[in-house]
Amino acid sequence: MAIITLHEMEFYAFHGCFKEEQLIGNYFTVDIEINTNTDLAETEDDLSGTVNYQEVYNLVKDEMAIKSKLLEHVVRRITDKLIKSLPQIESCRITLSKLHPPLGGKVNKVSVTLAKSA
């Protein structure tokens, strides 16, 4: 069993409850921890024996392009998409962060984390 982590993937997207957020957009980061069996990749040096990082990135990018009001909704869509699309994932933990959210004061980011097993 191995943990594959993609750190701070950055996207510009249009998520938020305020109309302005869905028009102007904001920066978001996504961190993903994937639990998977990498025995074949470790011994055979074969990509088919692990999770392809490019596929993970592209799936996240596609979901981030779909507007949502809530981070909870986006992170659930990403989690479901990864587990459905990449059957070698045994479980994953995803943190979605909105950078500098419009909360009326200085806040560096807000985050939602979701963990799910296949």
N, C-alpha and C. Protein backbone atom coordinates (compact mmCIF):
# COMPACT_ATOMS: atom_id res chain seq x y z
N MET A 1 0.85 -1.18 0.00
CA MET A 1 0.00 0.00 0.00
C MET A 1 0.89 1.23 0.00
N ALA A 2 0.52 2.18 -0.80
CA ALA A 2 1.26 3.43 -0.87
C ALA A 2 0.29 4.61 -0.82
N ILE A 3 0.82 5.75 -0.44
CA ILE A 3 0.06 6.98 -0.47
C ILE A 3 0.69 7.89 -1.52
N ILE A 4 -0.10 8.26 -2.50
CA ILE A 4 0.33 9.19 -3.54
C ILE A 4 -0.32 10.53 -3.22
N THR A 5 0.47 11.59 -3.18
CA THR A 5 -0.06 12.90 -2.83
C THR A 5 0.24 13.91 -3.93
N LEU A 6 -0.78 14.63 -4.32
CA LEU A 6 -0.63 15.77 -5.22
C LEU A 6 -0.89 17.00 -4.38
N HIS A 7 0.10 17.87 -4.29
CA HIS A 7 0.06 19.03 -3.40
C HIS A 7 -0.28 20.31 -4.16
N GLU A 8 -1.19 21.06 -3.61
CA GLU A 8 -1.46 22.44 -4.03
C GLU A 8 -1.64 22.63 -5.54
N MET A 9 -2.47 21.78 -6.13
CA MET A 9 -2.86 22.03 -7.52
C MET A 9 -3.66 23.34 -7.49
N GLU A 10 -3.34 24.26 -8.34
CA GLU A 10 -3.99 25.57 -8.30
C GLU A 10 -4.89 25.76 -9.51
N PHE A 11 -6.09 26.29 -9.24
CA PHE A 11 -7.08 26.52 -10.28
C PHE A 11 -7.73 27.88 -10.06
N TYR A 12 -8.13 28.50 -11.15
CA TYR A 12 -8.97 29.69 -11.08
C TYR A 12 -10.36 29.22 -11.44
N ALA A 13 -11.32 29.42 -10.54
CA ALA A 13 -12.67 28.89 -10.76
C ALA A 13 -13.71 29.86 -10.23
N PHE A 14 -14.96 29.49 -10.38
CA PHE A 14 -16.07 30.39 -10.11
C PHE A 14 -17.05 29.79 -9.09
N HIS A 15 -16.52 29.34 -7.97
CA HIS A 15 -17.34 28.75 -6.91
C HIS A 15 -17.62 29.78 -5.84
N GLY A 16 -18.83 29.77 -5.32
CA GLY A 16 -19.17 30.66 -4.22
C GLY A 16 -20.66 30.95 -4.16
N CYS A 17 -21.11 31.35 -2.99
CA CYS A 17 -22.53 31.66 -2.79
C CYS A 17 -22.89 33.05 -3.29
N PHE A 18 -21.91 33.95 -3.29
CA PHE A 18 -22.19 35.31 -3.75
C PHE A 18 -22.16 35.38 -5.27
N LYS A 19 -23.08 36.14 -5.85
CA LYS A 19 -23.15 36.30 -7.30
C LYS A 19 -21.81 36.77 -7.86
N GLU A 20 -21.16 37.69 -7.15
CA GLU A 20 -19.88 38.23 -7.60
C GLU A 20 -18.81 37.14 -7.71
N GLU A 21 -18.85 36.19 -6.79
CA GLU A 21 -17.86 35.11 -6.83
C GLU A 21 -18.03 34.26 -8.09
N GLN A 22 -19.28 34.08 -8.50
CA GLN A 22 -19.53 33.26 -9.68
C GLN A 22 -19.26 34.04 -10.98
N LEU A 23 -19.13 35.35 -10.87
CA LEU A 23 -18.81 36.17 -12.04
C LEU A 23 -17.32 36.49 -12.13
N ILE A 24 -16.73 36.86 -10.99
CA ILE A 24 -15.33 37.29 -10.96
C ILE A 24 -14.37 36.11 -10.80
N GLY A 25 -14.75 35.15 -9.99
CA GLY A 25 -13.91 33.98 -9.75
C GLY A 25 -12.88 34.22 -8.66
N ASN A 26 -12.11 33.18 -8.39
CA ASN A 26 -11.12 33.22 -7.32
C ASN A 26 -10.12 32.08 -7.55
N TYR A 27 -9.04 32.12 -6.79
CA TYR A 27 -8.06 31.04 -6.84
C TYR A 27 -8.39 29.99 -5.79
N PHE A 28 -8.17 28.73 -6.16
CA PHE A 28 -8.42 27.59 -5.29
C PHE A 28 -7.22 26.66 -5.37
N THR A 29 -6.99 25.92 -4.30
CA THR A 29 -5.99 24.85 -4.34
C THR A 29 -6.64 23.54 -3.95
N VAL A 30 -6.09 22.47 -4.48
CA VAL A 30 -6.59 21.12 -4.19
C VAL A 30 -5.40 20.26 -3.80
N ASP A 31 -5.54 19.59 -2.65
CA ASP A 31 -4.54 18.61 -2.20
C ASP A 31 -5.23 17.25 -2.16
N ILE A 32 -4.56 16.25 -2.69
CA ILE A 32 -5.15 14.91 -2.75
C ILE A 32 -4.16 13.88 -2.23
N GLU A 33 -4.65 13.02 -1.34
CA GLU A 33 -3.91 11.84 -0.89
C GLU A 33 -4.67 10.62 -1.40
N ILE A 34 -3.98 9.78 -2.13
CA ILE A 34 -4.58 8.57 -2.71
C ILE A 34 -3.90 7.36 -2.12
N ASN A 35 -4.70 6.43 -1.60
CA ASN A 35 -4.19 5.15 -1.12
C ASN A 35 -4.41 4.11 -2.21
N THR A 36 -3.33 3.46 -2.60
CA THR A 36 -3.41 2.49 -3.67
C THR A 36 -2.30 1.45 -3.54
N ASN A 37 -2.50 0.31 -4.15
CA ASN A 37 -1.48 -0.73 -4.17
C ASN A 37 -0.52 -0.42 -5.33
N THR A 38 0.75 -0.23 -5.01
CA THR A 38 1.74 0.09 -6.04
C THR A 38 2.78 -1.01 -6.21
N ASP A 39 2.46 -2.22 -5.79
CA ASP A 39 3.43 -3.31 -5.87
C ASP A 39 3.99 -3.49 -7.28
N LEU A 40 3.12 -3.50 -8.29
CA LEU A 40 3.57 -3.70 -9.67
C LEU A 40 4.47 -2.55 -10.12
N ALA A 41 4.10 -1.34 -9.82
CA ALA A 41 4.92 -0.19 -10.20
C ALA A 41 6.28 -0.24 -9.51
N GLU A 42 6.29 -0.67 -8.26
CA GLU A 42 7.54 -0.74 -7.50
C GLU A 42 8.49 -1.78 -8.07
N THR A 43 7.96 -2.92 -8.49
CA THR A 43 8.82 -4.01 -8.94
C THR A 43 9.06 -4.02 -10.45
N GLU A 44 8.09 -3.55 -11.23
CA GLU A 44 8.18 -3.64 -12.69
C GLU A 44 8.43 -2.30 -13.37
N ASP A 45 8.38 -1.19 -12.61
CA ASP A 45 8.56 0.14 -13.18
C ASP A 45 7.57 0.38 -14.32
N ASP A 46 6.29 0.03 -14.03
CA ASP A 46 5.24 0.08 -15.04
C ASP A 46 4.12 0.99 -14.55
N LEU A 47 3.78 1.99 -15.35
CA LEU A 47 2.75 2.95 -14.98
C LEU A 47 1.39 2.30 -14.73
N SER A 48 1.12 1.20 -15.40
CA SER A 48 -0.18 0.53 -15.21
C SER A 48 -0.33 -0.03 -13.80
N GLY A 49 0.76 -0.08 -13.04
CA GLY A 49 0.71 -0.60 -11.69
C GLY A 49 0.52 0.46 -10.63
N THR A 50 0.12 1.66 -11.04
CA THR A 50 -0.08 2.74 -10.08
C THR A 50 -1.16 3.68 -10.62
N VAL A 51 -1.34 4.80 -9.95
CA VAL A 51 -2.29 5.82 -10.40
C VAL A 51 -1.52 6.85 -11.23
N ASN A 52 -2.04 7.15 -12.39
CA ASN A 52 -1.42 8.12 -13.29
C ASN A 52 -1.73 9.53 -12.78
N TYR A 53 -0.72 10.27 -12.39
CA TYR A 53 -0.92 11.61 -11.83
C TYR A 53 -1.57 12.56 -12.83
N GLN A 54 -1.25 12.41 -14.09
CA GLN A 54 -1.85 13.27 -15.12
C GLN A 54 -3.36 13.05 -15.21
N GLU A 55 -3.79 11.79 -15.11
CA GLU A 55 -5.22 11.50 -15.12
C GLU A 55 -5.91 12.13 -13.92
N VAL A 56 -5.28 12.05 -12.76
CA VAL A 56 -5.84 12.66 -11.55
C VAL A 56 -5.99 14.16 -11.76
N TYR A 57 -4.93 14.80 -12.21
CA TYR A 57 -4.97 16.25 -12.44
C TYR A 57 -6.09 16.62 -13.41
N ASN A 58 -6.20 15.91 -14.51
CA ASN A 58 -7.22 16.23 -15.52
C ASN A 58 -8.63 16.05 -14.99
N LEU A 59 -8.86 15.02 -14.19
CA LEU A 59 -10.19 14.81 -13.60
C LEU A 59 -10.53 15.94 -12.64
N VAL A 60 -9.57 16.35 -11.83
CA VAL A 60 -9.79 17.46 -10.90
C VAL A 60 -10.05 18.74 -11.68
N LYS A 61 -9.27 18.99 -12.70
CA LYS A 61 -9.43 20.19 -13.53
C LYS A 61 -10.84 20.26 -14.13
N ASP A 62 -11.33 19.13 -14.63
CA ASP A 62 -12.67 19.09 -15.21
C ASP A 62 -13.74 19.43 -14.18
N GLU A 63 -13.63 18.90 -12.99
CA GLU A 63 -14.62 19.17 -11.94
C GLU A 63 -14.52 20.61 -11.44
N MET A 64 -13.32 21.15 -11.38
CA MET A 64 -13.15 22.53 -10.92
C MET A 64 -13.76 23.52 -11.91
N ALA A 65 -13.92 23.12 -13.16
CA ALA A 65 -14.49 24.00 -14.19
C ALA A 65 -16.01 24.12 -14.09
N ILE A 66 -16.64 23.27 -13.29
CA ILE A 66 -18.09 23.29 -13.12
C ILE A 66 -18.44 24.16 -11.92
N LYS A 67 -19.18 25.25 -12.14
CA LYS A 67 -19.54 26.17 -11.06
C LYS A 67 -20.37 25.48 -9.99
N SER A 68 -20.08 25.83 -8.74
CA SER A 68 -20.86 25.37 -7.59
C SER A 68 -20.90 26.47 -6.56
N LYS A 69 -21.93 26.46 -5.75
CA LYS A 69 -22.03 27.43 -4.66
C LYS A 69 -21.12 27.03 -3.49
N LEU A 70 -21.04 25.74 -3.21
CA LEU A 70 -20.37 25.27 -1.99
C LEU A 70 -19.13 24.44 -2.28
N LEU A 71 -18.08 24.68 -1.49
CA LEU A 71 -16.87 23.87 -1.60
C LEU A 71 -17.17 22.41 -1.29
N GLU A 72 -18.08 22.18 -0.35
CA GLU A 72 -18.45 20.81 0.01
C GLU A 72 -18.97 20.04 -1.20
N HIS A 73 -19.72 20.72 -2.05
CA HIS A 73 -20.26 20.08 -3.25
C HIS A 73 -19.14 19.76 -4.25
N VAL A 74 -18.23 20.69 -4.42
CA VAL A 74 -17.13 20.49 -5.37
C VAL A 74 -16.23 19.34 -4.91
N VAL A 75 -15.86 19.33 -3.64
CA VAL A 75 -14.95 18.29 -3.15
C VAL A 75 -15.61 16.91 -3.22
N ARG A 76 -16.91 16.83 -3.02
CA ARG A 76 -17.61 15.55 -3.15
C ARG A 76 -17.62 15.09 -4.61
N ARG A 77 -17.85 16.01 -5.54
CA ARG A 77 -17.82 15.65 -6.96
C ARG A 77 -16.44 15.14 -7.37
N ILE A 78 -15.40 15.81 -6.90
CA ILE A 78 -14.03 15.38 -7.23
C ILE A 78 -13.77 13.99 -6.68
N THR A 79 -14.12 13.78 -5.42
CA THR A 79 -13.91 12.48 -4.77
C THR A 79 -14.63 11.37 -5.53
N ASP A 80 -15.90 11.59 -5.81
CA ASP A 80 -16.69 10.57 -6.52
C ASP A 80 -16.11 10.28 -7.90
N LYS A 81 -15.70 11.33 -8.61
CA LYS A 81 -15.16 11.17 -9.97
C LYS A 81 -13.86 10.36 -9.95
N LEU A 82 -12.98 10.66 -9.00
CA LEU A 82 -11.71 9.93 -8.92
C LEU A 82 -11.94 8.45 -8.63
N ILE A 83 -12.79 8.17 -7.65
CA ILE A 83 -13.02 6.76 -7.28
C ILE A 83 -13.72 6.00 -8.41
N LYS A 84 -14.63 6.66 -9.10
CA LYS A 84 -15.34 6.02 -10.22
C LYS A 84 -14.41 5.81 -11.42
N SER A 85 -13.57 6.77 -11.71
CA SER A 85 -12.74 6.74 -12.92
C SER A 85 -11.45 5.95 -12.78
N LEU A 86 -10.94 5.84 -11.57
CA LEU A 86 -9.66 5.17 -11.35
C LEU A 86 -9.84 4.05 -10.33
N PRO A 87 -10.20 2.86 -10.80
CA PRO A 87 -10.56 1.77 -9.88
C PRO A 87 -9.41 1.28 -8.98
N GLN A 88 -8.19 1.65 -9.32
CA GLN A 88 -7.07 1.24 -8.47
C GLN A 88 -6.99 2.07 -7.17
N ILE A 89 -7.77 3.13 -7.07
CA ILE A 89 -7.81 3.94 -5.85
C ILE A 89 -8.62 3.18 -4.79
N GLU A 90 -8.00 2.90 -3.66
CA GLU A 90 -8.69 2.23 -2.57
C GLU A 90 -9.39 3.23 -1.66
N SER A 91 -8.78 4.39 -1.49
CA SER A 91 -9.41 5.49 -0.74
C SER A 91 -8.66 6.77 -1.09
N CYS A 92 -9.30 7.88 -0.80
CA CYS A 92 -8.63 9.16 -1.04
C CYS A 92 -9.12 10.19 -0.03
N ARG A 93 -8.30 11.18 0.14
CA ARG A 93 -8.62 12.31 1.03
C ARG A 93 -8.30 13.57 0.24
N ILE A 94 -9.29 14.45 0.12
CA ILE A 94 -9.13 15.64 -0.70
C ILE A 94 -9.43 16.88 0.14
N THR A 95 -8.55 17.87 0.04
CA THR A 95 -8.77 19.17 0.66
C THR A 95 -8.86 20.21 -0.44
N LEU A 96 -9.99 20.92 -0.45
CA LEU A 96 -10.22 22.01 -1.39
C LEU A 96 -10.19 23.30 -0.60
N SER A 97 -9.36 24.25 -1.04
CA SER A 97 -9.22 25.53 -0.35
C SER A 97 -9.54 26.68 -1.28
N LYS A 98 -10.27 27.65 -0.76
CA LYS A 98 -10.51 28.91 -1.47
C LYS A 98 -9.56 29.94 -0.87
N LEU A 99 -8.74 30.54 -1.71
CA LEU A 99 -7.75 31.51 -1.24
C LEU A 99 -8.39 32.89 -1.11
N HIS A 100 -8.07 33.55 -0.02
CA HIS A 100 -8.54 34.91 0.25
C HIS A 100 -10.05 35.08 0.00
N PRO A 101 -10.87 34.30 0.73
CA PRO A 101 -12.31 34.37 0.53
C PRO A 101 -12.88 35.72 0.98
N PRO A 102 -13.95 36.17 0.35
CA PRO A 102 -14.55 37.46 0.70
C PRO A 102 -15.40 37.37 1.96
N LEU A 103 -14.76 37.42 3.11
CA LEU A 103 -15.47 37.27 4.38
C LEU A 103 -15.52 38.57 5.18
N GLY A 104 -15.09 39.66 4.59
CA GLY A 104 -15.15 40.93 5.28
C GLY A 104 -13.93 41.24 6.14
N GLY A 105 -12.90 40.43 6.04
CA GLY A 105 -11.66 40.62 6.77
C GLY A 105 -10.58 39.76 6.16
N LYS A 106 -9.37 39.85 6.69
CA LYS A 106 -8.24 39.09 6.13
C LYS A 106 -8.31 37.63 6.58
N VAL A 107 -8.51 36.78 5.60
CA VAL A 107 -8.51 35.33 5.80
C VAL A 107 -7.71 34.75 4.64
N ASN A 108 -6.64 34.02 4.93
CA ASN A 108 -5.80 33.47 3.86
C ASN A 108 -6.51 32.43 3.03
N LYS A 109 -7.27 31.54 3.70
CA LYS A 109 -8.01 30.53 2.96
C LYS A 109 -9.03 29.86 3.87
N VAL A 110 -10.03 29.29 3.24
CA VAL A 110 -10.97 28.39 3.90
C VAL A 110 -10.85 27.05 3.19
N SER A 111 -11.04 25.96 3.92
CA SER A 111 -10.84 24.64 3.33
C SER A 111 -11.94 23.67 3.77
N VAL A 112 -12.20 22.72 2.90
CA VAL A 112 -13.08 21.60 3.20
C VAL A 112 -12.31 20.33 2.84
N THR A 113 -12.30 19.37 3.76
CA THR A 113 -11.62 18.10 3.52
C THR A 113 -12.63 16.95 3.57
N LEU A 114 -12.51 16.06 2.60
CA LEU A 114 -13.39 14.90 2.55
C LEU A 114 -12.54 13.66 2.31
N ALA A 115 -12.79 12.62 3.10
CA ALA A 115 -12.11 11.33 2.91
C ALA A 115 -13.16 10.31 2.55
N LYS A 116 -12.81 9.43 1.59
CA LYS A 116 -13.77 8.44 1.14
C LYS A 116 -13.04 7.17 0.69
N SER A 117 -13.64 6.04 0.98
CA SER A 117 -13.11 4.76 0.51
C SER A 117 -13.90 4.30 -0.70
N ALA A 118 -13.23 3.52 -1.54
CA ALA A 118 -13.89 3.00 -2.75
C ALA A 118 -14.92 1.96 -2.38
